[in-house]
C-alpha cells in the first residue's frame, strides 16, 4: 500500500484531470495521500479535496514562498480549518532562502514561529519546507521542543539529520534520492532508521528517475521505494509497508 505523504493536487497542473486521477489512485495501489496547503486558498482547496476523497487528507499552513500576505489574524482561519477531522498536519511551512524575490527573512521567521505555535496548540505534526535555510530552520524548530514533524524533501547535512532524528523528527524522501549525482540524500537515507522515513512525491514536482521531467503523481512513489530499498538492503514491498505504517502513525490515521 502506497502512502504519499506530500502531494499538491490543488496545483493548477492537475486542473484538466484532477478528479479522474485522484479517483483512480486506490486502483493503482495508492491508499493514502496528504495534500499540504501553501496559503489560505490552497489550504482550503486541499481540505475540499480531502472531504471529497476518503483516501486524501489535508494539511494547512503558509509556505515561505507564499507568506507575504500573512497577518496574525489568519491564524484564526487556519485554526478553524485544522479542526476538521480530515486535516492531519500544519504545513507546508518553513523557510526558503533560495529565491531572492521571496518574502523577507524576518517575515518568514515570524510566520514559521506562528505555524509551529499553532501546531503545538492543536497537537498536530508539522510539515517543514527547508530550502537553503538549514541552520535557521533547525534553530527555530528547537525553540518549540514539544512540536514534532517531518522535514519534507530533506536536503540538509547528515549531521543535521542525526540531530533531527535525536529530537524525534521524521525525514521525507522523494524523487531527488533517485538522481544520479545526489550523494548527500543517499547518505542521509543510509543513516536514517527505516521507522523514521516517510515517502512522498511533492507532485507535480520532483519526478523520480526514470520519469524525471514529467508531471509527477503518487504512483511514482514506487521508484522512490525501489531506490530506498537498494540503499537500505530491503525489498520494495518492505519499504512501502514500513513507510505506510510510519505515515499512519505520524499523521494519527487509523
C-alpha atoms as a PDB file:
ATOM      1  CA  UNK A   1       0.000   0.000   0.000  1.00  0.00           C
ATOM      2  CA  UNK A   2       1.403   3.401  -1.034  1.00  0.00           C
ATOM      3  CA  UNK A   3       1.165   6.374   1.320  1.00  0.00           C
ATOM      4  CA  UNK A   4       2.175   9.581  -0.462  1.00  0.00           C
ATOM      5  CA  UNK A   5       2.781  11.938   2.444  1.00  0.00           C
ATOM      6  CA  UNK A   6       3.185  15.106   0.350  1.00  0.00           C
ATOM      7  CA  UNK A   7       1.441  15.877  -2.951  1.00  0.00           C
ATOM      8  CA  UNK A   8      -0.055  19.138  -4.217  1.00  0.00           C
ATOM      9  CA  UNK A   9      -3.139  18.015  -6.134  1.00  0.00           C
ATOM     10  CA  UNK A  10      -4.539  21.507  -5.622  1.00  0.00           C
ATOM     11  CA  UNK A  11      -1.888  22.696  -8.125  1.00  0.00           C
ATOM     12  CA  UNK A  12      -3.124  24.104 -11.459  1.00  0.00           C
ATOM     13  CA  UNK A  13      -1.167  21.425 -13.363  1.00  0.00           C
ATOM     14  CA  UNK A  14      -3.855  18.949 -12.308  1.00  0.00           C
ATOM     15  CA  UNK A  15      -6.788  21.096 -13.420  1.00  0.00           C
ATOM     16  CA  UNK A  16      -7.550  19.039 -16.536  1.00  0.00           C
ATOM     17  CA  UNK A  17      -7.677  15.594 -14.922  1.00  0.00           C
ATOM     18  CA  UNK A  18      -7.551  16.077 -11.129  1.00  0.00           C
ATOM     19  CA  UNK A  19     -10.766  14.274 -10.267  1.00  0.00           C
ATOM     20  CA  UNK A  20     -10.205  11.340 -12.592  1.00  0.00           C
ATOM     21  CA  UNK A  21      -6.621  10.947 -11.379  1.00  0.00           C
ATOM     22  CA  UNK A  22      -7.490  11.076  -7.679  1.00  0.00           C
ATOM     23  CA  UNK A  23     -10.427   8.719  -8.136  1.00  0.00           C
ATOM     24  CA  UNK A  24      -8.122   6.190  -9.825  1.00  0.00           C
ATOM     25  CA  UNK A  25      -5.469   6.157  -7.113  1.00  0.00           C
ATOM     26  CA  UNK A  26      -6.808   3.280  -4.945  1.00  0.00           C
ATOM     27  CA  UNK A  27      -6.912   1.005  -8.001  1.00  0.00           C
ATOM     28  CA  UNK A  28      -3.236   1.878  -8.556  1.00  0.00           C
ATOM     29  CA  UNK A  29      -2.274   0.837  -5.020  1.00  0.00           C
ATOM     30  CA  UNK A  30      -2.229   4.368  -3.570  1.00  0.00           C
ATOM     31  CA  UNK A  31      -4.145   4.091  -0.300  1.00  0.00           C
ATOM     32  CA  UNK A  32      -3.351   7.446   1.291  1.00  0.00           C
ATOM     33  CA  UNK A  33      -2.362  10.944   0.139  1.00  0.00           C
ATOM     34  CA  UNK A  34      -1.677  14.110   2.151  1.00  0.00           C
ATOM     35  CA  UNK A  35      -2.126  17.401   0.277  1.00  0.00           C
ATOM     36  CA  UNK A  36      -0.442  20.323   2.082  1.00  0.00           C
ATOM     37  CA  UNK A  37      -1.667  23.858   1.545  1.00  0.00           C
ATOM     38  CA  UNK A  38       0.711  26.759   0.902  1.00  0.00           C
ATOM     39  CA  UNK A  39      -1.567  29.699   1.835  1.00  0.00           C
ATOM     40  CA  UNK A  40      -5.220  30.215   2.739  1.00  0.00           C
ATOM     41  CA  UNK A  41      -6.724  29.497  -0.726  1.00  0.00           C
ATOM     42  CA  UNK A  42      -4.658  26.351  -1.348  1.00  0.00           C
ATOM     43  CA  UNK A  43      -5.211  25.130   2.203  1.00  0.00           C
ATOM     44  CA  UNK A  44      -8.959  25.460   1.642  1.00  0.00           C
ATOM     45  CA  UNK A  45      -8.684  23.672  -1.706  1.00  0.00           C
ATOM     46  CA  UNK A  46      -6.671  20.845  -0.138  1.00  0.00           C
ATOM     47  CA  UNK A  47      -9.342  20.480   2.537  1.00  0.00           C
ATOM     48  CA  UNK A  48     -12.087  20.356  -0.088  1.00  0.00           C
ATOM     49  CA  UNK A  49     -10.241  17.556  -1.903  1.00  0.00           C
ATOM     50  CA  UNK A  50      -9.794  15.696   1.385  1.00  0.00           C
ATOM     51  CA  UNK A  51     -13.509  15.928   2.096  1.00  0.00           C
ATOM     52  CA  UNK A  52     -14.303  14.624  -1.405  1.00  0.00           C
ATOM     53  CA  UNK A  53     -11.980  11.599  -1.408  1.00  0.00           C
ATOM     54  CA  UNK A  54     -11.713   9.150   1.506  1.00  0.00           C
ATOM     55  CA  UNK A  55      -8.038   8.428   0.761  1.00  0.00           C
ATOM     56  CA  UNK A  56      -6.992  12.106   0.663  1.00  0.00           C
ATOM     57  CA  UNK A  57      -6.062  14.127   3.751  1.00  0.00           C
ATOM     58  CA  UNK A  58      -5.058  17.786   4.066  1.00  0.00           C
ATOM     59  CA  UNK A  59      -2.518  19.931   5.858  1.00  0.00           C
ATOM     60  CA  UNK A  60      -2.979  23.684   6.247  1.00  0.00           C
ATOM     61  CA  UNK A  61      -0.435  26.467   6.569  1.00  0.00           C
ATOM     62  CA  UNK A  62       1.693  29.140   4.931  1.00  0.00           C
ATOM     63  CA  UNK A  63       4.615  28.148   2.682  1.00  0.00           C
ATOM     64  CA  UNK A  64       7.585  30.557   2.970  1.00  0.00           C
ATOM     65  CA  UNK A  65       7.356  31.480  -0.725  1.00  0.00           C
ATOM     66  CA  UNK A  66       3.676  32.370  -0.290  1.00  0.00           C
ATOM     67  CA  UNK A  67       3.680  34.002   3.131  1.00  0.00           C
ATOM     68  CA  UNK A  68       3.861  37.687   2.118  1.00  0.00           C
ATOM     69  CA  UNK A  69       0.084  38.247   2.702  1.00  0.00           C
ATOM     70  CA  UNK A  70       0.157  36.584   6.130  1.00  0.00           C
ATOM     71  CA  UNK A  71      -1.068  38.538   9.142  1.00  0.00           C
ATOM     72  CA  UNK A  72      -1.623  37.050  12.625  1.00  0.00           C
ATOM     73  CA  UNK A  73      -5.401  37.185  12.156  1.00  0.00           C
ATOM     74  CA  UNK A  74      -5.015  34.412   9.563  1.00  0.00           C
ATOM     75  CA  UNK A  75      -4.216  32.040  12.430  1.00  0.00           C
ATOM     76  CA  UNK A  76      -7.909  32.020  13.317  1.00  0.00           C
ATOM     77  CA  UNK A  77      -8.797  30.881   9.786  1.00  0.00           C
ATOM     78  CA  UNK A  78      -6.149  28.151   9.816  1.00  0.00           C
ATOM     79  CA  UNK A  79      -7.214  27.061  13.300  1.00  0.00           C
ATOM     80  CA  UNK A  80     -10.799  26.614  12.124  1.00  0.00           C
ATOM     81  CA  UNK A  81      -9.658  24.614   9.089  1.00  0.00           C
ATOM     82  CA  UNK A  82      -7.353  22.461  11.208  1.00  0.00           C
ATOM     83  CA  UNK A  83     -10.221  21.360  13.431  1.00  0.00           C
ATOM     84  CA  UNK A  84     -11.677  19.402  10.506  1.00  0.00           C
ATOM     85  CA  UNK A  85     -11.009  15.654  11.039  1.00  0.00           C
ATOM     86  CA  UNK A  86      -9.507  15.380   7.544  1.00  0.00           C
ATOM     87  CA  UNK A  87      -6.721  17.858   8.454  1.00  0.00           C
ATOM     88  CA  UNK A  88      -3.781  15.875   9.817  1.00  0.00           C
ATOM     89  CA  UNK A  89      -0.926  18.423   9.999  1.00  0.00           C
ATOM     90  CA  UNK A  90       0.175  22.039   9.821  1.00  0.00           C
ATOM     91  CA  UNK A  91       2.048  22.544   6.593  1.00  0.00           C
ATOM     92  CA  UNK A  92       3.669  23.269   4.308  1.00  0.00           C
ATOM     93  CA  UNK A  93       5.605  25.744   6.456  1.00  0.00           C
ATOM     94  CA  UNK A  94       9.229  26.716   6.964  1.00  0.00           C
ATOM     95  CA  UNK A  95      11.944  28.839   5.385  1.00  0.00           C
ATOM     96  CA  UNK A  96      13.155  29.319   1.812  1.00  0.00           C
ATOM     97  CA  UNK A  97      16.240  31.428   1.077  1.00  0.00           C
ATOM     98  CA  UNK A  98      16.715  30.132  -2.474  1.00  0.00           C
ATOM     99  CA  UNK A  99      14.654  32.687  -4.396  1.00  0.00           C
ATOM    100  CA  UNK A 100      15.743  36.321  -3.932  1.00  0.00           C
ATOM    101  CA  UNK A 101      12.177  37.519  -4.541  1.00  0.00           C
ATOM    102  CA  UNK A 102      10.826  35.531  -1.576  1.00  0.00           C
ATOM    103  CA  UNK A 103       9.384  37.462   1.391  1.00  0.00           C
ATOM    104  CA  UNK A 104      11.987  38.997   3.750  1.00  0.00           C
ATOM    105  CA  UNK A 105      13.647  36.542   6.088  1.00  0.00           C
ATOM    106  CA  UNK A 106      12.354  38.253   9.226  1.00  0.00           C
ATOM    107  CA  UNK A 107       8.793  37.830   7.962  1.00  0.00           C
ATOM    108  CA  UNK A 108       9.414  34.183   7.057  1.00  0.00           C
ATOM    109  CA  UNK A 109      10.770  33.595  10.578  1.00  0.00           C
ATOM    110  CA  UNK A 110       7.737  35.201  12.209  1.00  0.00           C
ATOM    111  CA  UNK A 111       5.288  33.168  10.110  1.00  0.00           C
ATOM    112  CA  UNK A 112       7.193  29.929  10.745  1.00  0.00           C
ATOM    113  CA  UNK A 113       7.133  30.548  14.502  1.00  0.00           C
ATOM    114  CA  UNK A 114       3.383  31.207  14.383  1.00  0.00           C
ATOM    115  CA  UNK A 115       2.793  27.989  12.416  1.00  0.00           C
ATOM    116  CA  UNK A 116       4.821  25.964  14.933  1.00  0.00           C
ATOM    117  CA  UNK A 117       2.931  27.546  17.823  1.00  0.00           C
ATOM    118  CA  UNK A 118      -0.369  26.632  16.133  1.00  0.00           C
ATOM    119  CA  UNK A 119       0.798  23.040  15.674  1.00  0.00           C
ATOM    120  CA  UNK A 120       1.698  22.848  19.353  1.00  0.00           C
ATOM    121  CA  UNK A 121      -1.651  24.342  20.386  1.00  0.00           C
ATOM    122  CA  UNK A 122      -3.591  21.824  18.275  1.00  0.00           C
ATOM    123  CA  UNK A 123      -1.239  18.885  18.951  1.00  0.00           C
ATOM    124  CA  UNK A 124      -0.628  18.344  15.248  1.00  0.00           C
ATOM    125  CA  UNK A 125       2.615  17.431  13.470  1.00  0.00           C
ATOM    126  CA  UNK A 126       4.228  19.920  11.094  1.00  0.00           C
ATOM    127  CA  UNK A 127       5.472  19.555   7.527  1.00  0.00           C
ATOM    128  CA  UNK A 128       8.614  21.669   7.156  1.00  0.00           C
ATOM    129  CA  UNK A 129       9.945  23.142   3.921  1.00  0.00           C
ATOM    130  CA  UNK A 130      13.658  23.951   4.257  1.00  0.00           C
ATOM    131  CA  UNK A 131      15.488  25.257   1.204  1.00  0.00           C
ATOM    132  CA  UNK A 132      18.934  26.789   1.684  1.00  0.00           C
ATOM    133  CA  UNK A 133      17.920  27.700   5.250  1.00  0.00           C
ATOM    134  CA  UNK A 134      19.121  24.687   7.220  1.00  0.00           C
ATOM    135  CA  UNK A 135      20.677  26.424  10.214  1.00  0.00           C
ATOM    136  CA  UNK A 136      17.779  28.802  10.791  1.00  0.00           C
ATOM    137  CA  UNK A 137      15.162  26.056  10.311  1.00  0.00           C
ATOM    138  CA  UNK A 138      16.866  23.868  12.881  1.00  0.00           C
ATOM    139  CA  UNK A 139      17.247  26.750  15.327  1.00  0.00           C
ATOM    140  CA  UNK A 140      13.574  27.723  15.080  1.00  0.00           C
ATOM    141  CA  UNK A 141      12.205  24.197  15.495  1.00  0.00           C
ATOM    142  CA  UNK A 142      14.427  23.870  18.573  1.00  0.00           C
ATOM    143  CA  UNK A 143      12.510  26.811  20.057  1.00  0.00           C
ATOM    144  CA  UNK A 144       9.435  24.536  20.036  1.00  0.00           C
ATOM    145  CA  UNK A 145      10.636  21.338  21.743  1.00  0.00           C
ATOM    146  CA  UNK A 146       7.128  19.906  22.079  1.00  0.00           C
ATOM    147  CA  UNK A 147       6.466  20.061  18.332  1.00  0.00           C
ATOM    148  CA  UNK A 148       7.318  17.119  16.100  1.00  0.00           C
ATOM    149  CA  UNK A 149       7.136  16.790  12.356  1.00  0.00           C
ATOM    150  CA  UNK A 150       8.881  15.927   9.122  1.00  0.00           C
ATOM    151  CA  UNK A 151      11.492  17.800   7.130  1.00  0.00           C
ATOM    152  CA  UNK A 152       9.914  17.331   3.716  1.00  0.00           C
ATOM    153  CA  UNK A 153      12.273  16.562   0.802  1.00  0.00           C
ATOM    154  CA  UNK A 154      15.175  16.560   3.234  1.00  0.00           C
ATOM    155  CA  UNK A 155      18.180  18.386   1.778  1.00  0.00           C
ATOM    156  CA  UNK A 156      20.312  19.183   4.811  1.00  0.00           C
ATOM    157  CA  UNK A 157      23.517  17.569   6.002  1.00  0.00           C
ATOM    158  CA  UNK A 158      23.932  14.160   7.578  1.00  0.00           C
ATOM    159  CA  UNK A 159      24.890  15.885  10.838  1.00  0.00           C
ATOM    160  CA  UNK A 160      21.663  17.907  10.888  1.00  0.00           C
ATOM    161  CA  UNK A 161      19.678  14.765  10.045  1.00  0.00           C
ATOM    162  CA  UNK A 162      21.170  12.985  13.056  1.00  0.00           C
ATOM    163  CA  UNK A 163      20.198  15.893  15.292  1.00  0.00           C
ATOM    164  CA  UNK A 164      16.622  15.950  13.987  1.00  0.00           C
ATOM    165  CA  UNK A 165      16.339  12.200  14.450  1.00  0.00           C
ATOM    166  CA  UNK A 166      17.554  12.532  18.055  1.00  0.00           C
ATOM    167  CA  UNK A 167      14.813  15.121  18.570  1.00  0.00           C
ATOM    168  CA  UNK A 168      12.166  12.669  17.337  1.00  0.00           C
ATOM    169  CA  UNK A 169      11.604  14.124  13.878  1.00  0.00           C
ATOM    170  CA  UNK A 170      10.993  12.269  10.613  1.00  0.00           C
ATOM    171  CA  UNK A 171      12.687  12.779   7.246  1.00  0.00           C
ATOM    172  CA  UNK A 172      10.841  12.850   3.910  1.00  0.00           C
ATOM    173  CA  UNK A 173      12.337  11.245   0.797  1.00  0.00           C
ATOM    174  CA  UNK A 174      11.155  11.765  -2.764  1.00  0.00           C
ATOM    175  CA  UNK A 175      12.430  11.983  -6.340  1.00  0.00           C
ATOM    176  CA  UNK A 176      15.865  13.508  -5.619  1.00  0.00           C
ATOM    177  CA  UNK A 177      17.023  10.322  -3.863  1.00  0.00           C
ATOM    178  CA  UNK A 178      16.929   8.688  -7.325  1.00  0.00           C
ATOM    179  CA  UNK A 179      19.046  11.382  -9.028  1.00  0.00           C
ATOM    180  CA  UNK A 180      22.474  10.208 -10.127  1.00  0.00           C
ATOM    181  CA  UNK A 181      24.620  12.904  -8.520  1.00  0.00           C
ATOM    182  CA  UNK A 182      22.620  13.412  -5.324  1.00  0.00           C
ATOM    183  CA  UNK A 183      25.082  11.730  -2.973  1.00  0.00           C
ATOM    184  CA  UNK A 184      24.060  13.738   0.094  1.00  0.00           C
ATOM    185  CA  UNK A 185      20.454  12.499   0.082  1.00  0.00           C
ATOM    186  CA  UNK A 186      21.656   8.920  -0.408  1.00  0.00           C
ATOM    187  CA  UNK A 187      23.987   9.325   2.589  1.00  0.00           C
ATOM    188  CA  UNK A 188      21.116  10.599   4.716  1.00  0.00           C
ATOM    189  CA  UNK A 189      18.821   7.778   3.574  1.00  0.00           C
ATOM    190  CA  UNK A 190      21.509   5.271   4.532  1.00  0.00           C
ATOM    191  CA  UNK A 191      21.749   6.591   8.096  1.00  0.00           C
ATOM    192  CA  UNK A 192      18.043   7.248   8.681  1.00  0.00           C
ATOM    193  CA  UNK A 193      16.315   4.453  10.628  1.00  0.00           C
ATOM    194  CA  UNK A 194      13.593   2.899   8.449  1.00  0.00           C
ATOM    195  CA  UNK A 195      10.983   3.680  11.107  1.00  0.00           C
ATOM    196  CA  UNK A 196      11.672   7.433  10.697  1.00  0.00           C
ATOM    197  CA  UNK A 197      11.322   7.553   6.915  1.00  0.00           C
ATOM    198  CA  UNK A 198       8.344   8.965   5.056  1.00  0.00           C
ATOM    199  CA  UNK A 199       7.908   8.645   1.289  1.00  0.00           C
ATOM    200  CA  UNK A 200       6.493  11.495  -0.772  1.00  0.00           C
ATOM    201  CA  UNK A 201       6.292  12.791  -4.319  1.00  0.00           C
ATOM    202  CA  UNK A 202       5.824  16.574  -3.951  1.00  0.00           C
ATOM    203  CA  UNK A 203       3.615  16.169  -7.015  1.00  0.00           C
ATOM    204  CA  UNK A 204       3.510  17.685  -9.572  1.00  0.00           C
ATOM    205  CA  UNK A 205       7.212  18.417  -8.890  1.00  0.00           C
ATOM    206  CA  UNK A 206      10.383  16.340  -8.405  1.00  0.00           C
ATOM    207  CA  UNK A 207       9.547  13.342 -10.576  1.00  0.00           C
ATOM    208  CA  UNK A 208      11.958  10.469  -9.916  1.00  0.00           C
ATOM    209  CA  UNK A 209      14.165   8.665 -12.391  1.00  0.00           C
ATOM    210  CA  UNK A 210      13.122   7.177 -14.839  1.00  0.00           C
ATOM    211  CA  UNK A 211      10.230   9.629 -15.320  1.00  0.00           C
ATOM    212  CA  UNK A 212      12.168  12.756 -14.394  1.00  0.00           C
ATOM    213  CA  UNK A 213      10.963  15.782 -16.370  1.00  0.00           C
ATOM    214  CA  UNK A 214       7.324  14.689 -16.491  1.00  0.00           C
ATOM    215  CA  UNK A 215       4.446  15.722 -14.248  1.00  0.00           C
ATOM    216  CA  UNK A 216       4.753  13.742 -11.037  1.00  0.00           C
ATOM    217  CA  UNK A 217       1.947  11.894  -9.271  1.00  0.00           C
ATOM    218  CA  UNK A 218       1.579   9.493  -6.357  1.00  0.00           C
ATOM    219  CA  UNK A 219       2.028   6.320  -8.393  1.00  0.00           C
ATOM    220  CA  UNK A 220       5.691   7.240  -8.855  1.00  0.00           C
ATOM    221  CA  UNK A 221       6.367   6.521  -5.173  1.00  0.00           C
ATOM    222  CA  UNK A 222       7.274   3.044  -6.437  1.00  0.00           C
ATOM    223  CA  UNK A 223      10.525   4.382  -7.925  1.00  0.00           C
ATOM    224  CA  UNK A 224      11.419   6.135  -4.668  1.00  0.00           C
ATOM    225  CA  UNK A 225      10.663   2.978  -2.656  1.00  0.00           C
ATOM    226  CA  UNK A 226      12.810   0.906  -5.019  1.00  0.00           C
ATOM    227  CA  UNK A 227      15.791   3.243  -4.564  1.00  0.00           C
ATOM    228  CA  UNK A 228      15.365   3.368  -0.787  1.00  0.00           C
ATOM    229  CA  UNK A 229      15.268  -0.423  -0.822  1.00  0.00           C
ATOM    230  CA  UNK A 230      18.566  -0.558  -2.706  1.00  0.00           C
ATOM    231  CA  UNK A 231      20.154   1.797  -0.168  1.00  0.00           C
ATOM    232  CA  UNK A 232      18.750   0.017   2.897  1.00  0.00           C
ATOM    233  CA  UNK A 233      19.003  -3.588   1.698  1.00  0.00           C
ATOM    234  CA  UNK A 234      15.222  -4.019   1.764  1.00  0.00           C
ATOM    235  CA  UNK A 235      12.672  -5.091  -0.800  1.00  0.00           C
ATOM    236  CA  UNK A 236      10.417  -2.527  -2.452  1.00  0.00           C
ATOM    237  CA  UNK A 237       7.399  -4.113  -0.752  1.00  0.00           C
ATOM    238  CA  UNK A 238       9.079  -3.915   2.663  1.00  0.00           C
ATOM    239  CA  UNK A 239       9.815  -0.227   2.146  1.00  0.00           C
ATOM    240  CA  UNK A 240       6.231   0.501   1.080  1.00  0.00           C
ATOM    241  CA  UNK A 241       4.745  -1.428   4.006  1.00  0.00           C
ATOM    242  CA  UNK A 242       7.010   0.118   6.633  1.00  0.00           C
ATOM    243  CA  UNK A 243       6.720   3.691   5.362  1.00  0.00           C
ATOM    244  CA  UNK A 244       2.931   3.362   5.146  1.00  0.00           C
ATOM    245  CA  UNK A 245       2.886   2.265   8.801  1.00  0.00           C
ATOM    246  CA  UNK A 246       5.196   5.163   9.676  1.00  0.00           C
ATOM    247  CA  UNK A 247       2.948   7.686   7.956  1.00  0.00           C
ATOM    248  CA  UNK A 248      -0.240   6.378   9.534  1.00  0.00           C
ATOM    249  CA  UNK A 249       1.416   6.638  12.942  1.00  0.00           C
ATOM    250  CA  UNK A 250       2.852  10.089  12.169  1.00  0.00           C
ATOM    251  CA  UNK A 251      -0.479  11.517  10.975  1.00  0.00           C
ATOM    252  CA  UNK A 252      -2.551   9.551  13.527  1.00  0.00           C
ATOM    253  CA  UNK A 253      -4.618   7.915  10.788  1.00  0.00           C
ATOM    254  CA  UNK A 254      -6.347   4.703  11.816  1.00  0.00           C
END
